[in-house]
């Protein structure tokens, strides 16, 4: 491999700003801040959303979709149930 053309691949701490969860992984991301963790200094990268807080991974998105489906069903059922009761 050529010297000087590859980014620095190192351990970086990623912090989820919504939950405060921290995890260490290897990355080439450029950071401005450092953090002391387990007696060692790591570069710090702050994330707005990770798998700890994203609705897809937490299951919140599924509940929102289900609620929408139930409301649509109730709206349709209310229209048809009202016409059936009137005609009987």
N, C-alpha and C. Protein backbone atom coordinates (compact mmCIF):
# COMPACT_ATOMS: atom_id res chain seq x y z
N UNK A 1 0.83 -1.18 0.00
CA UNK A 1 0.00 0.00 0.00
C UNK A 1 0.88 1.25 0.00
N UNK A 2 0.39 2.29 -0.64
CA UNK A 2 1.14 3.54 -0.69
C UNK A 2 1.05 4.25 0.66
N UNK A 3 2.12 4.86 1.05
CA UNK A 3 2.17 5.61 2.31
C UNK A 3 1.55 7.00 2.12
N UNK A 4 0.84 7.47 3.14
CA UNK A 4 0.35 8.84 3.17
C UNK A 4 -0.95 9.11 2.43
N UNK A 5 -1.57 8.11 1.81
CA UNK A 5 -2.81 8.38 1.08
C UNK A 5 -4.04 7.79 1.77
N UNK A 6 -3.83 6.95 2.78
CA UNK A 6 -4.95 6.30 3.47
C UNK A 6 -5.29 7.05 4.75
N UNK A 7 -6.58 7.14 5.09
CA UNK A 7 -6.96 7.81 6.33
C UNK A 7 -6.54 6.99 7.55
N UNK A 8 -6.45 7.67 8.68
CA UNK A 8 -6.06 7.03 9.94
C UNK A 8 -7.22 6.16 10.44
N UNK A 9 -7.03 4.85 10.50
CA UNK A 9 -8.03 3.90 10.95
C UNK A 9 -7.73 3.55 12.40
N UNK A 10 -8.61 4.00 13.32
CA UNK A 10 -8.33 3.87 14.75
C UNK A 10 -9.61 3.65 15.52
N UNK A 11 -9.47 3.35 16.81
CA UNK A 11 -10.64 3.19 17.68
C UNK A 11 -11.21 4.56 18.00
N UNK A 12 -12.54 4.68 17.89
CA UNK A 12 -13.25 5.93 18.13
C UNK A 12 -14.45 5.64 19.02
N UNK A 13 -14.75 6.55 19.95
CA UNK A 13 -15.95 6.43 20.79
C UNK A 13 -17.07 7.19 20.12
N UNK A 14 -18.19 6.52 19.88
CA UNK A 14 -19.40 7.13 19.34
C UNK A 14 -20.39 7.29 20.49
N UNK A 15 -20.99 8.47 20.62
CA UNK A 15 -21.95 8.75 21.67
C UNK A 15 -23.29 9.10 21.04
N UNK A 16 -24.35 8.42 21.48
CA UNK A 16 -25.71 8.73 21.05
C UNK A 16 -26.19 9.90 21.91
N UNK A 17 -26.48 11.04 21.31
CA UNK A 17 -26.88 12.22 22.07
C UNK A 17 -28.26 12.10 22.70
N UNK A 18 -29.12 11.24 22.17
CA UNK A 18 -30.46 11.08 22.73
C UNK A 18 -30.47 10.19 23.96
N UNK A 19 -29.68 9.13 23.94
CA UNK A 19 -29.69 8.18 25.07
C UNK A 19 -28.44 8.25 25.92
N UNK A 20 -27.37 8.82 25.42
CA UNK A 20 -26.12 8.88 26.17
C UNK A 20 -25.29 7.61 26.08
N UNK A 21 -25.71 6.67 25.27
CA UNK A 21 -25.00 5.41 25.09
C UNK A 21 -23.67 5.65 24.39
N UNK A 22 -22.61 5.01 24.89
CA UNK A 22 -21.28 5.13 24.29
C UNK A 22 -20.82 3.76 23.82
N UNK A 23 -20.20 3.71 22.66
CA UNK A 23 -19.60 2.46 22.21
C UNK A 23 -18.34 2.76 21.42
N UNK A 24 -17.42 1.83 21.49
CA UNK A 24 -16.12 1.98 20.83
C UNK A 24 -16.10 1.09 19.59
N UNK A 25 -15.68 1.66 18.49
CA UNK A 25 -15.51 0.89 17.26
C UNK A 25 -14.37 1.53 16.47
N UNK A 26 -13.91 0.84 15.47
CA UNK A 26 -12.83 1.38 14.64
C UNK A 26 -13.43 2.17 13.49
N UNK A 27 -12.83 3.33 13.20
CA UNK A 27 -13.37 4.21 12.17
C UNK A 27 -12.27 5.14 11.64
N UNK A 28 -12.56 5.75 10.50
CA UNK A 28 -11.66 6.76 9.92
C UNK A 28 -12.24 8.16 10.07
N UNK A 29 -13.32 8.30 10.81
CA UNK A 29 -14.00 9.59 10.95
C UNK A 29 -13.05 10.62 11.60
N UNK A 30 -13.12 11.86 11.09
CA UNK A 30 -12.34 12.95 11.68
C UNK A 30 -13.10 13.54 12.85
N UNK A 31 -12.41 13.73 13.98
CA UNK A 31 -13.05 14.28 15.17
C UNK A 31 -12.25 15.46 15.70
N UNK A 32 -12.93 16.30 16.47
CA UNK A 32 -12.27 17.45 17.10
C UNK A 32 -12.11 17.25 18.60
N UNK A 33 -12.90 16.35 19.17
CA UNK A 33 -12.91 16.16 20.61
C UNK A 33 -12.32 14.81 20.98
N UNK A 34 -11.87 14.71 22.23
CA UNK A 34 -11.38 13.45 22.79
C UNK A 34 -12.14 13.15 24.07
N UNK A 35 -12.14 11.88 24.47
CA UNK A 35 -12.80 11.48 25.70
C UNK A 35 -11.93 10.44 26.40
N UNK A 36 -11.94 10.50 27.72
CA UNK A 36 -11.23 9.52 28.54
C UNK A 36 -12.22 8.42 28.90
N UNK A 37 -11.92 7.20 28.51
CA UNK A 37 -12.82 6.08 28.77
C UNK A 37 -11.99 4.86 29.13
N UNK A 38 -12.26 4.27 30.26
CA UNK A 38 -11.53 3.10 30.75
C UNK A 38 -10.03 3.37 30.86
N UNK A 39 -9.67 4.59 31.26
CA UNK A 39 -8.27 4.94 31.45
C UNK A 39 -7.49 5.18 30.17
N UNK A 40 -8.18 5.28 29.05
CA UNK A 40 -7.52 5.49 27.77
C UNK A 40 -8.21 6.66 27.05
N UNK A 41 -7.48 7.43 26.30
CA UNK A 41 -8.04 8.56 25.57
C UNK A 41 -8.38 8.14 24.15
N UNK A 42 -9.63 8.44 23.75
CA UNK A 42 -10.12 8.09 22.41
C UNK A 42 -10.66 9.35 21.74
N UNK A 43 -10.66 9.38 20.42
CA UNK A 43 -11.38 10.44 19.70
C UNK A 43 -12.89 10.25 19.94
N UNK A 44 -13.64 11.34 20.00
CA UNK A 44 -15.07 11.30 20.30
C UNK A 44 -15.87 11.80 19.10
N UNK A 45 -16.90 11.04 18.72
CA UNK A 45 -17.82 11.45 17.66
C UNK A 45 -19.23 11.40 18.23
N UNK A 46 -19.97 12.51 18.11
CA UNK A 46 -21.33 12.60 18.64
C UNK A 46 -22.33 12.32 17.53
N UNK A 47 -23.22 11.35 17.78
CA UNK A 47 -24.24 10.96 16.80
C UNK A 47 -25.62 11.42 17.28
N UNK A 48 -26.42 11.92 16.36
CA UNK A 48 -27.79 12.28 16.71
C UNK A 48 -28.66 11.04 16.87
N UNK A 49 -28.46 10.05 16.01
CA UNK A 49 -29.28 8.84 16.03
C UNK A 49 -28.39 7.62 15.86
N UNK A 50 -28.60 6.62 16.69
CA UNK A 50 -27.93 5.32 16.54
C UNK A 50 -28.99 4.24 16.66
N UNK A 51 -28.58 3.00 16.65
CA UNK A 51 -29.54 1.90 16.80
C UNK A 51 -30.19 1.89 18.18
N UNK A 52 -29.61 2.57 19.15
CA UNK A 52 -30.20 2.66 20.49
C UNK A 52 -31.40 3.60 20.54
N UNK A 53 -31.47 4.58 19.62
CA UNK A 53 -32.54 5.57 19.70
C UNK A 53 -33.40 5.65 18.44
N UNK A 54 -33.03 4.99 17.36
CA UNK A 54 -33.80 5.07 16.11
C UNK A 54 -35.10 4.28 16.26
N UNK A 55 -36.24 4.85 15.84
CA UNK A 55 -37.52 4.16 16.00
C UNK A 55 -37.59 2.79 15.32
N UNK A 56 -36.88 2.60 14.23
CA UNK A 56 -36.91 1.30 13.56
C UNK A 56 -36.35 0.21 14.46
N UNK A 57 -35.28 0.50 15.18
CA UNK A 57 -34.64 -0.50 16.03
C UNK A 57 -35.29 -0.61 17.40
N UNK A 58 -35.92 0.47 17.89
CA UNK A 58 -36.54 0.43 19.21
C UNK A 58 -37.96 -0.13 19.16
N UNK A 59 -38.55 -0.20 17.97
CA UNK A 59 -39.90 -0.73 17.83
C UNK A 59 -40.96 0.35 17.88
N UNK A 60 -40.62 1.59 18.13
CA UNK A 60 -41.60 2.67 18.21
C UNK A 60 -42.26 2.91 16.85
N UNK A 61 -41.52 2.73 15.77
CA UNK A 61 -42.07 2.95 14.44
C UNK A 61 -43.18 1.95 14.15
N UNK A 62 -43.02 0.72 14.58
CA UNK A 62 -44.03 -0.31 14.36
C UNK A 62 -45.33 0.07 15.05
N UNK A 63 -45.24 0.57 16.27
CA UNK A 63 -46.44 0.96 17.00
C UNK A 63 -47.15 2.12 16.33
N UNK A 64 -46.42 3.05 15.77
CA UNK A 64 -47.02 4.18 15.08
C UNK A 64 -47.77 3.69 13.84
N UNK A 65 -47.16 2.77 13.08
CA UNK A 65 -47.78 2.23 11.89
C UNK A 65 -49.04 1.46 12.27
N UNK A 66 -48.99 0.66 13.33
CA UNK A 66 -50.16 -0.11 13.76
C UNK A 66 -51.28 0.81 14.20
N UNK A 67 -50.95 1.88 14.90
CA UNK A 67 -51.97 2.83 15.33
C UNK A 67 -52.66 3.45 14.13
N UNK A 68 -51.91 3.80 13.13
CA UNK A 68 -52.50 4.36 11.92
C UNK A 68 -53.44 3.38 11.23
N UNK A 69 -53.07 2.12 11.20
CA UNK A 69 -53.91 1.10 10.57
C UNK A 69 -55.22 0.92 11.34
N UNK A 70 -55.14 0.91 12.66
CA UNK A 70 -56.34 0.75 13.49
C UNK A 70 -57.27 1.93 13.28
N UNK A 71 -56.73 3.13 13.24
CA UNK A 71 -57.57 4.31 13.03
C UNK A 71 -58.24 4.28 11.67
N UNK A 72 -57.51 3.86 10.63
CA UNK A 72 -58.11 3.75 9.29
C UNK A 72 -59.25 2.73 9.29
N UNK A 73 -59.04 1.60 9.97
CA UNK A 73 -60.08 0.57 10.04
C UNK A 73 -61.31 1.11 10.76
N UNK A 74 -61.10 1.77 11.88
CA UNK A 74 -62.24 2.32 12.64
C UNK A 74 -63.00 3.35 11.83
N UNK A 75 -62.28 4.18 11.07
CA UNK A 75 -62.95 5.19 10.24
C UNK A 75 -63.80 4.52 9.17
N UNK A 76 -63.28 3.49 8.52
CA UNK A 76 -64.05 2.78 7.50
C UNK A 76 -65.24 2.06 8.12
N UNK A 77 -65.00 1.41 9.25
CA UNK A 77 -66.06 0.64 9.91
C UNK A 77 -67.16 1.57 10.40
N UNK A 78 -66.79 2.73 10.89
CA UNK A 78 -67.78 3.68 11.38
C UNK A 78 -68.69 4.15 10.25
N UNK A 79 -68.12 4.36 9.05
CA UNK A 79 -68.95 4.79 7.92
C UNK A 79 -69.91 3.68 7.50
N UNK A 80 -69.43 2.46 7.39
CA UNK A 80 -70.29 1.37 6.92
C UNK A 80 -71.28 0.93 8.01
N UNK A 81 -70.88 0.95 9.26
CA UNK A 81 -71.76 0.55 10.34
C UNK A 81 -72.90 1.54 10.47
N UNK A 82 -72.64 2.81 10.27
CA UNK A 82 -73.69 3.83 10.37
C UNK A 82 -74.74 3.67 9.27
N UNK A 83 -74.34 3.33 8.05
CA UNK A 83 -75.29 3.16 6.95
C UNK A 83 -76.09 1.89 7.13
N UNK A 84 -75.47 0.83 7.66
CA UNK A 84 -76.21 -0.41 7.87
C UNK A 84 -77.27 -0.24 8.96
N UNK A 85 -76.98 0.46 10.00
CA UNK A 85 -77.96 0.66 11.09
C UNK A 85 -79.13 1.49 10.64
N UNK A 86 -78.89 2.48 9.78
CA UNK A 86 -79.96 3.36 9.32
C UNK A 86 -80.92 2.62 8.39
N UNK A 87 -80.41 1.71 7.56
CA UNK A 87 -81.24 1.04 6.59
C UNK A 87 -82.03 -0.11 7.21
N UNK A 88 -81.68 -0.59 8.38
CA UNK A 88 -82.41 -1.70 8.99
C UNK A 88 -83.67 -1.30 9.66
